[in-house]
Amino acid sequence: MAGPTEWHSGVGGPVGVGPWLQEYGRPLPDDPRYDLELLADGDRRNVVDAYRYWTREAIVDDLDTRRHRFHVAIENWGHDANIGTVVRTANAFLAQSVHIVGRRRWNRRGAMVTDRYQHVHHHPEIADLMRWAGEHGLTVVAVDNTPGSVRLERTRLPENCLFVFGQEGPGVTEAASAAADLTVSIAQFGSTRSINAGVAAGIVMHTWVTQHADLDQAW
């Protein structure tokens, strides 16, 4: 069943749809993907219209048939508030999975409950993550503006890969950088030394999508 409401309102009033009968005036659909509570009460969740009234499990099952071939990891040594943003963006670009390295607890506020539809895993150390990546045949791509990095804008990203992002401030740790197969940096032109980790993650995932995804399948 749906459980607690995930998304209550937005600019200009409530978002989503009301009860099925109120919205459509037709008999309730006979489809196991639909949630009876949502059909009766309305669906105010932060999901695209194609998934309105579906159970969470049905949505995840459908996403699993279409997920892209990249994974995302972010280091969580300082309880970085950007992690939620990274998870939300990974959901938007349909990553295979998200990996939190370091502290198990992370700030979920920025995720806007998209973690309910995204496979999220925990690794206590970078070595554990790298072992997992090796077992799955993934190219590890660190994202940081460090010496030796190559321009993201001039790089063909691996199709089967794991992107590793560091926490705000220090960036990718030395252990993660040393274990990566490739390090890419994002071109910047202003005075700041770095950009927000959540923003960087969005740029890199979008670059992967433009290079490898079937854009005709986008919503």
C-alpha atoms as a PDB file:
ATOM      1  CA  MET A   1       0.000   0.000   0.000  1.00  0.00           C
ATOM      2  CA  ALA A   2       1.014   3.611  -0.421  1.00  0.00           C
ATOM      3  CA  GLY A   3       1.835   4.492   3.153  1.00  0.00           C
ATOM      4  CA  PRO A   4       2.392   8.092   4.272  1.00  0.00           C
ATOM      5  CA  THR A   5       1.903  10.843   1.726  1.00  0.00           C
ATOM      6  CA  GLU A   6       5.197  11.582   0.013  1.00  0.00           C
ATOM      7  CA  TRP A   7       4.495  14.975  -1.467  1.00  0.00           C
ATOM      8  CA  HIS A   8       1.873  17.312  -0.104  1.00  0.00           C
ATOM      9  CA  SER A   9       1.886  20.530  -2.078  1.00  0.00           C
ATOM     10  CA  GLY A  10       3.757  22.692  -4.505  1.00  0.00           C
ATOM     11  CA  VAL A  11       3.686  26.216  -5.836  1.00  0.00           C
ATOM     12  CA  GLY A  12       0.084  27.078  -6.597  1.00  0.00           C
ATOM     13  CA  GLY A  13      -1.512  24.346  -4.502  1.00  0.00           C
ATOM     14  CA  PRO A  14      -1.661  20.569  -4.293  1.00  0.00           C
ATOM     15  CA  VAL A  15       0.120  18.449  -6.863  1.00  0.00           C
ATOM     16  CA  GLY A  16      -0.822  15.076  -8.264  1.00  0.00           C
ATOM     17  CA  VAL A  17      -4.325  13.733  -8.747  1.00  0.00           C
ATOM     18  CA  GLY A  18      -7.382  13.195  -6.595  1.00  0.00           C
ATOM     19  CA  PRO A  19      -9.388   9.991  -6.137  1.00  0.00           C
ATOM     20  CA  TRP A  20      -9.808   7.929  -9.318  1.00  0.00           C
ATOM     21  CA  LEU A  21     -13.589   8.264  -9.479  1.00  0.00           C
ATOM     22  CA  GLN A  22     -13.371  12.024  -8.969  1.00  0.00           C
ATOM     23  CA  GLU A  23     -10.736  12.412 -11.666  1.00  0.00           C
ATOM     24  CA  TYR A  24     -12.065  10.028 -14.303  1.00  0.00           C
ATOM     25  CA  GLY A  25     -15.605   9.015 -13.367  1.00  0.00           C
ATOM     26  CA  ARG A  26     -14.901   5.468 -14.516  1.00  0.00           C
ATOM     27  CA  PRO A  27     -14.853   2.134 -12.660  1.00  0.00           C
ATOM     28  CA  LEU A  28     -11.644   1.373 -10.775  1.00  0.00           C
ATOM     29  CA  PRO A  29      -9.040  -0.349 -12.945  1.00  0.00           C
ATOM     30  CA  ASP A  30      -8.574  -4.094 -12.518  1.00  0.00           C
ATOM     31  CA  ASP A  31      -4.778  -4.021 -12.577  1.00  0.00           C
ATOM     32  CA  PRO A  32      -2.505  -5.351  -9.800  1.00  0.00           C
ATOM     33  CA  ARG A  33      -0.098  -2.466 -10.321  1.00  0.00           C
ATOM     34  CA  TYR A  34      -2.586  -0.021  -8.849  1.00  0.00           C
ATOM     35  CA  ASP A  35      -2.752   0.792  -5.129  1.00  0.00           C
ATOM     36  CA  LEU A  36      -6.268   0.611  -3.730  1.00  0.00           C
ATOM     37  CA  GLU A  37      -5.637   3.342  -1.155  1.00  0.00           C
ATOM     38  CA  LEU A  38      -4.296   5.722  -3.780  1.00  0.00           C
ATOM     39  CA  LEU A  39      -7.218   5.022  -6.081  1.00  0.00           C
ATOM     40  CA  ALA A  40      -9.591   5.881  -3.240  1.00  0.00           C
ATOM     41  CA  ASP A  41      -7.751   8.851  -1.730  1.00  0.00           C
ATOM     42  CA  GLY A  42      -5.731  10.327  -4.588  1.00  0.00           C
ATOM     43  CA  ASP A  43      -2.046  10.266  -5.427  1.00  0.00           C
ATOM     44  CA  ARG A  44       0.019  13.272  -4.292  1.00  0.00           C
ATOM     45  CA  ARG A  45       3.422  11.619  -4.585  1.00  0.00           C
ATOM     46  CA  ASN A  46       6.434  13.008  -6.393  1.00  0.00           C
ATOM     47  CA  VAL A  47       6.125  10.672  -9.386  1.00  0.00           C
ATOM     48  CA  VAL A  48       5.570  11.220 -13.094  1.00  0.00           C
ATOM     49  CA  ASP A  49       2.013  10.937 -14.391  1.00  0.00           C
ATOM     50  CA  ALA A  50       2.671   7.548 -15.971  1.00  0.00           C
ATOM     51  CA  TYR A  51       3.032   6.082 -12.464  1.00  0.00           C
ATOM     52  CA  ARG A  52       0.005   7.726 -10.844  1.00  0.00           C
ATOM     53  CA  TYR A  53      -1.883   5.344  -8.551  1.00  0.00           C
ATOM     54  CA  TRP A  54       0.731   2.583  -8.969  1.00  0.00           C
ATOM     55  CA  THR A  55       2.118   0.819  -5.915  1.00  0.00           C
ATOM     56  CA  ARG A  56       5.679   1.619  -4.992  1.00  0.00           C
ATOM     57  CA  GLU A  57       6.700  -1.967  -5.745  1.00  0.00           C
ATOM     58  CA  ALA A  58       5.170  -1.810  -9.226  1.00  0.00           C
ATOM     59  CA  ILE A  59       7.003   1.426  -9.982  1.00  0.00           C
ATOM     60  CA  VAL A  60      10.350  -0.020  -8.894  1.00  0.00           C
ATOM     61  CA  ASP A  61       9.740  -3.166 -10.933  1.00  0.00           C
ATOM     62  CA  ASP A  62       9.036  -1.089 -14.036  1.00  0.00           C
ATOM     63  CA  LEU A  63      12.074   1.136 -13.471  1.00  0.00           C
ATOM     64  CA  ASP A  64      14.227  -1.967 -13.123  1.00  0.00           C
ATOM     65  CA  THR A  65      13.375  -2.938 -16.697  1.00  0.00           C
ATOM     66  CA  ARG A  66      14.764   0.352 -18.013  1.00  0.00           C
ATOM     67  CA  ARG A  67      17.633   1.374 -15.734  1.00  0.00           C
ATOM     68  CA  HIS A  68      20.794   2.727 -17.318  1.00  0.00           C
ATOM     69  CA  ARG A  69      24.177   1.049 -17.048  1.00  0.00           C
ATOM     70  CA  PHE A  70      25.858   3.493 -14.697  1.00  0.00           C
ATOM     71  CA  HIS A  71      26.041   3.476 -10.904  1.00  0.00           C
ATOM     72  CA  VAL A  72      26.684   6.367  -8.533  1.00  0.00           C
ATOM     73  CA  ALA A  73      28.671   6.443  -5.295  1.00  0.00           C
ATOM     74  CA  ILE A  74      29.162   9.314  -2.889  1.00  0.00           C
ATOM     75  CA  GLU A  75      31.423   9.433   0.146  1.00  0.00           C
ATOM     76  CA  ASN A  76      29.703  10.219   3.432  1.00  0.00           C
ATOM     77  CA  TRP A  77      32.371  10.958   6.009  1.00  0.00           C
ATOM     78  CA  GLY A  78      30.891  14.251   7.207  1.00  0.00           C
ATOM     79  CA  HIS A  79      27.124  13.686   6.878  1.00  0.00           C
ATOM     80  CA  ASP A  80      27.051  15.784   3.704  1.00  0.00           C
ATOM     81  CA  ALA A  81      23.665  17.369   2.972  1.00  0.00           C
ATOM     82  CA  ASN A  82      24.320  16.933  -0.766  1.00  0.00           C
ATOM     83  CA  ILE A  83      23.772  13.189  -0.636  1.00  0.00           C
ATOM     84  CA  GLY A  84      20.005  13.552  -0.861  1.00  0.00           C
ATOM     85  CA  THR A  85      20.393  15.678  -3.978  1.00  0.00           C
ATOM     86  CA  VAL A  86      22.668  13.073  -5.550  1.00  0.00           C
ATOM     87  CA  VAL A  87      20.127  10.321  -4.849  1.00  0.00           C
ATOM     88  CA  ARG A  88      17.291  12.381  -6.307  1.00  0.00           C
ATOM     89  CA  THR A  89      19.318  13.123  -9.437  1.00  0.00           C
ATOM     90  CA  ALA A  90      20.315   9.470  -9.785  1.00  0.00           C
ATOM     91  CA  ASN A  91      16.624   8.614  -9.749  1.00  0.00           C
ATOM     92  CA  ALA A  92      15.865  11.265 -12.376  1.00  0.00           C
ATOM     93  CA  PHE A  93      18.536   9.886 -14.726  1.00  0.00           C
ATOM     94  CA  LEU A  94      17.637   6.265 -13.846  1.00  0.00           C
ATOM     95  CA  ALA A  95      20.927   5.028 -12.406  1.00  0.00           C
ATOM     96  CA  GLN A  96      21.254   1.319 -11.722  1.00  0.00           C
ATOM     97  CA  SER A  97      22.089   1.960  -8.074  1.00  0.00           C
ATOM     98  CA  VAL A  98      23.432   4.468  -5.568  1.00  0.00           C
ATOM     99  CA  HIS A  99      26.178   3.627  -3.066  1.00  0.00           C
ATOM    100  CA  ILE A 100      26.820   5.505   0.171  1.00  0.00           C
ATOM    101  CA  VAL A 101      30.396   5.074   1.412  1.00  0.00           C
ATOM    102  CA  GLY A 102      31.269   5.780   5.036  1.00  0.00           C
ATOM    103  CA  ARG A 103      28.562   6.660   7.510  1.00  0.00           C
ATOM    104  CA  ARG A 104      25.431   4.596   7.129  1.00  0.00           C
ATOM    105  CA  ARG A 105      23.114   7.441   8.097  1.00  0.00           C
ATOM    106  CA  TRP A 106      22.682  10.230   5.555  1.00  0.00           C
ATOM    107  CA  ASN A 107      20.524  13.317   5.180  1.00  0.00           C
ATOM    108  CA  ARG A 108      17.478  12.197   3.187  1.00  0.00           C
ATOM    109  CA  ARG A 109      15.737  15.547   3.006  1.00  0.00           C
ATOM    110  CA  GLY A 110      17.119  16.496  -0.397  1.00  0.00           C
ATOM    111  CA  ALA A 111      16.155  13.130  -1.858  1.00  0.00           C
ATOM    112  CA  MET A 112      12.443  14.065  -1.743  1.00  0.00           C
ATOM    113  CA  VAL A 113      11.697  10.371  -1.001  1.00  0.00           C
ATOM    114  CA  THR A 114      13.102   9.290  -4.377  1.00  0.00           C
ATOM    115  CA  ASP A 115      15.262   6.815  -2.445  1.00  0.00           C
ATOM    116  CA  ARG A 116      12.103   4.699  -2.184  1.00  0.00           C
ATOM    117  CA  TYR A 117      12.365   4.030  -5.905  1.00  0.00           C
ATOM    118  CA  GLN A 118      16.142   3.795  -6.131  1.00  0.00           C
ATOM    119  CA  HIS A 119      18.387   0.894  -5.104  1.00  0.00           C
ATOM    120  CA  VAL A 120      20.641   2.340  -2.387  1.00  0.00           C
ATOM    121  CA  HIS A 121      23.529   0.355  -0.882  1.00  0.00           C
ATOM    122  CA  HIS A 122      26.026   1.051   1.888  1.00  0.00           C
ATOM    123  CA  HIS A 123      29.765   0.350   2.031  1.00  0.00           C
ATOM    124  CA  PRO A 124      31.792   1.114   5.176  1.00  0.00           C
ATOM    125  CA  GLU A 125      35.031   1.793   3.265  1.00  0.00           C
ATOM    126  CA  ILE A 126      36.186   2.655  -0.241  1.00  0.00           C
ATOM    127  CA  ALA A 127      37.888  -0.739  -0.467  1.00  0.00           C
ATOM    128  CA  ASP A 128      34.505  -2.424  -0.068  1.00  0.00           C
ATOM    129  CA  LEU A 129      33.026  -0.318  -2.861  1.00  0.00           C
ATOM    130  CA  MET A 130      35.943  -1.029  -5.180  1.00  0.00           C
ATOM    131  CA  ARG A 131      35.658  -4.751  -4.513  1.00  0.00           C
ATOM    132  CA  TRP A 132      31.987  -4.566  -5.444  1.00  0.00           C
ATOM    133  CA  ALA A 133      32.769  -2.595  -8.624  1.00  0.00           C
ATOM    134  CA  GLY A 134      35.368  -5.174  -9.646  1.00  0.00           C
ATOM    135  CA  GLU A 135      32.925  -8.036  -9.126  1.00  0.00           C
ATOM    136  CA  HIS A 136      30.469  -6.280 -11.438  1.00  0.00           C
ATOM    137  CA  GLY A 137      32.999  -5.373 -14.133  1.00  0.00           C
ATOM    138  CA  LEU A 138      32.552  -1.612 -13.773  1.00  0.00           C
ATOM    139  CA  THR A 139      34.989   1.120 -14.774  1.00  0.00           C
ATOM    140  CA  VAL A 140      35.427   3.440 -11.792  1.00  0.00           C
ATOM    141  CA  VAL A 141      35.255   7.133 -12.689  1.00  0.00           C
ATOM    142  CA  ALA A 142      36.116   9.625  -9.960  1.00  0.00           C
ATOM    143  CA  VAL A 143      34.795  13.164 -10.369  1.00  0.00           C
ATOM    144  CA  ASP A 144      37.138  15.844  -9.039  1.00  0.00           C
ATOM    145  CA  ASN A 145      39.144  18.799 -10.329  1.00  0.00           C
ATOM    146  CA  THR A 146      42.492  17.380  -9.280  1.00  0.00           C
ATOM    147  CA  PRO A 147      45.818  17.275 -11.172  1.00  0.00           C
ATOM    148  CA  GLY A 148      45.768  14.505 -13.743  1.00  0.00           C
ATOM    149  CA  SER A 149      42.033  14.656 -14.334  1.00  0.00           C
ATOM    150  CA  VAL A 150      40.644  14.874 -17.857  1.00  0.00           C
ATOM    151  CA  ARG A 151      37.940  17.206 -19.054  1.00  0.00           C
ATOM    152  CA  LEU A 152      34.492  15.672 -18.825  1.00  0.00           C
ATOM    153  CA  GLU A 153      33.471  17.675 -21.871  1.00  0.00           C
ATOM    154  CA  ARG A 154      36.195  16.011 -23.964  1.00  0.00           C
ATOM    155  CA  THR A 155      35.796  12.486 -22.630  1.00  0.00           C
ATOM    156  CA  ARG A 156      33.751   9.549 -23.871  1.00  0.00           C
ATOM    157  CA  LEU A 157      32.428   8.069 -20.646  1.00  0.00           C
ATOM    158  CA  PRO A 158      32.424   4.288 -20.205  1.00  0.00           C
ATOM    159  CA  GLU A 159      28.978   2.784 -20.672  1.00  0.00           C
ATOM    160  CA  ASN A 160      29.318   0.391 -17.717  1.00  0.00           C
ATOM    161  CA  CYS A 161      30.719   2.538 -14.969  1.00  0.00           C
ATOM    162  CA  LEU A 162      30.607   3.675 -11.373  1.00  0.00           C
ATOM    163  CA  PHE A 163      30.839   7.422 -10.760  1.00  0.00           C
ATOM    164  CA  VAL A 164      32.427   8.373  -7.423  1.00  0.00           C
ATOM    165  CA  PHE A 165      31.765  11.763  -5.880  1.00  0.00           C
ATOM    166  CA  GLY A 166      33.425  13.203  -2.795  1.00  0.00           C
ATOM    167  CA  GLN A 167      31.778  15.200  -0.077  1.00  0.00           C
ATOM    168  CA  GLU A 168      31.471  18.960  -0.185  1.00  0.00           C
ATOM    169  CA  GLY A 169      34.778  20.696   0.493  1.00  0.00           C
ATOM    170  CA  PRO A 170      37.531  18.068   0.445  1.00  0.00           C
ATOM    171  CA  GLY A 171      36.221  16.283  -2.633  1.00  0.00           C
ATOM    172  CA  VAL A 172      37.097  12.692  -3.467  1.00  0.00           C
ATOM    173  CA  THR A 173      39.376  11.077  -0.874  1.00  0.00           C
ATOM    174  CA  GLU A 174      42.882   9.949  -1.784  1.00  0.00           C
ATOM    175  CA  ALA A 175      41.827   6.326  -1.389  1.00  0.00           C
ATOM    176  CA  ALA A 176      38.991   6.708  -3.869  1.00  0.00           C
ATOM    177  CA  SER A 177      41.117   8.696  -6.297  1.00  0.00           C
ATOM    178  CA  ALA A 178      43.912   6.116  -6.224  1.00  0.00           C
ATOM    179  CA  ALA A 179      41.484   3.269  -6.869  1.00  0.00           C
ATOM    180  CA  ALA A 180      39.696   4.961  -9.779  1.00  0.00           C
ATOM    181  CA  ASP A 181      40.379   3.971 -13.374  1.00  0.00           C
ATOM    182  CA  LEU A 182      39.694   7.503 -14.580  1.00  0.00           C
ATOM    183  CA  THR A 183      39.212  10.941 -13.037  1.00  0.00           C
ATOM    184  CA  VAL A 184      37.180  13.593 -14.820  1.00  0.00           C
ATOM    185  CA  SER A 185      36.779  17.267 -14.031  1.00  0.00           C
ATOM    186  CA  ILE A 186      34.067  19.719 -15.033  1.00  0.00           C
ATOM    187  CA  ALA A 187      35.143  22.837 -16.911  1.00  0.00           C
ATOM    188  CA  GLN A 188      34.702  26.001 -14.818  1.00  0.00           C
ATOM    189  CA  PHE A 189      35.240  29.617 -15.764  1.00  0.00           C
ATOM    190  CA  GLY A 190      34.589  31.672 -12.640  1.00  0.00           C
ATOM    191  CA  SER A 191      36.436  32.414  -9.414  1.00  0.00           C
ATOM    192  CA  THR A 192      35.239  29.518  -7.268  1.00  0.00           C
ATOM    193  CA  ARG A 193      37.558  26.540  -6.796  1.00  0.00           C
ATOM    194  CA  SER A 194      34.791  23.963  -7.079  1.00  0.00           C
ATOM    195  CA  ILE A 195      31.079  23.524  -7.621  1.00  0.00           C
ATOM    196  CA  ASN A 196      28.499  21.962  -5.351  1.00  0.00           C
ATOM    197  CA  ALA A 197      28.764  18.160  -5.196  1.00  0.00           C
ATOM    198  CA  GLY A 198      25.077  17.735  -5.969  1.00  0.00           C
ATOM    199  CA  VAL A 199      25.391  19.968  -9.030  1.00  0.00           C
ATOM    200  CA  ALA A 200      28.505  18.123 -10.200  1.00  0.00           C
ATOM    201  CA  ALA A 201      26.687  14.812  -9.953  1.00  0.00           C
ATOM    202  CA  GLY A 202      23.851  16.125 -12.096  1.00  0.00           C
ATOM    203  CA  ILE A 203      26.229  17.389 -14.771  1.00  0.00           C
ATOM    204  CA  VAL A 204      28.106  14.104 -14.977  1.00  0.00           C
ATOM    205  CA  MET A 205      24.989  11.933 -15.061  1.00  0.00           C
ATOM    206  CA  HIS A 206      23.460  14.122 -17.747  1.00  0.00           C
ATOM    207  CA  THR A 207      26.645  13.826 -19.791  1.00  0.00           C
ATOM    208  CA  TRP A 208      26.400  10.027 -19.580  1.00  0.00           C
ATOM    209  CA  VAL A 209      22.763  10.218 -20.708  1.00  0.00           C
ATOM    210  CA  THR A 210      23.586  12.389 -23.717  1.00  0.00           C
ATOM    211  CA  GLN A 211      26.289   9.906 -24.767  1.00  0.00           C
ATOM    212  CA  HIS A 212      24.604   6.568 -24.116  1.00  0.00           C
ATOM    213  CA  ALA A 213      20.865   6.783 -23.380  1.00  0.00           C
ATOM    214  CA  ASP A 214      17.960   6.394 -25.775  1.00  0.00           C
ATOM    215  CA  LEU A 215      16.526   9.884 -25.466  1.00  0.00           C
ATOM    216  CA  ASP A 216      13.285   8.780 -27.124  1.00  0.00           C
ATOM    217  CA  GLN A 217      12.545   6.882 -23.893  1.00  0.00           C
ATOM    218  CA  ALA A 218      12.657  10.015 -21.713  1.00  0.00           C
ATOM    219  CA  TRP A 219       9.429  11.315 -20.176  1.00  0.00           C
END
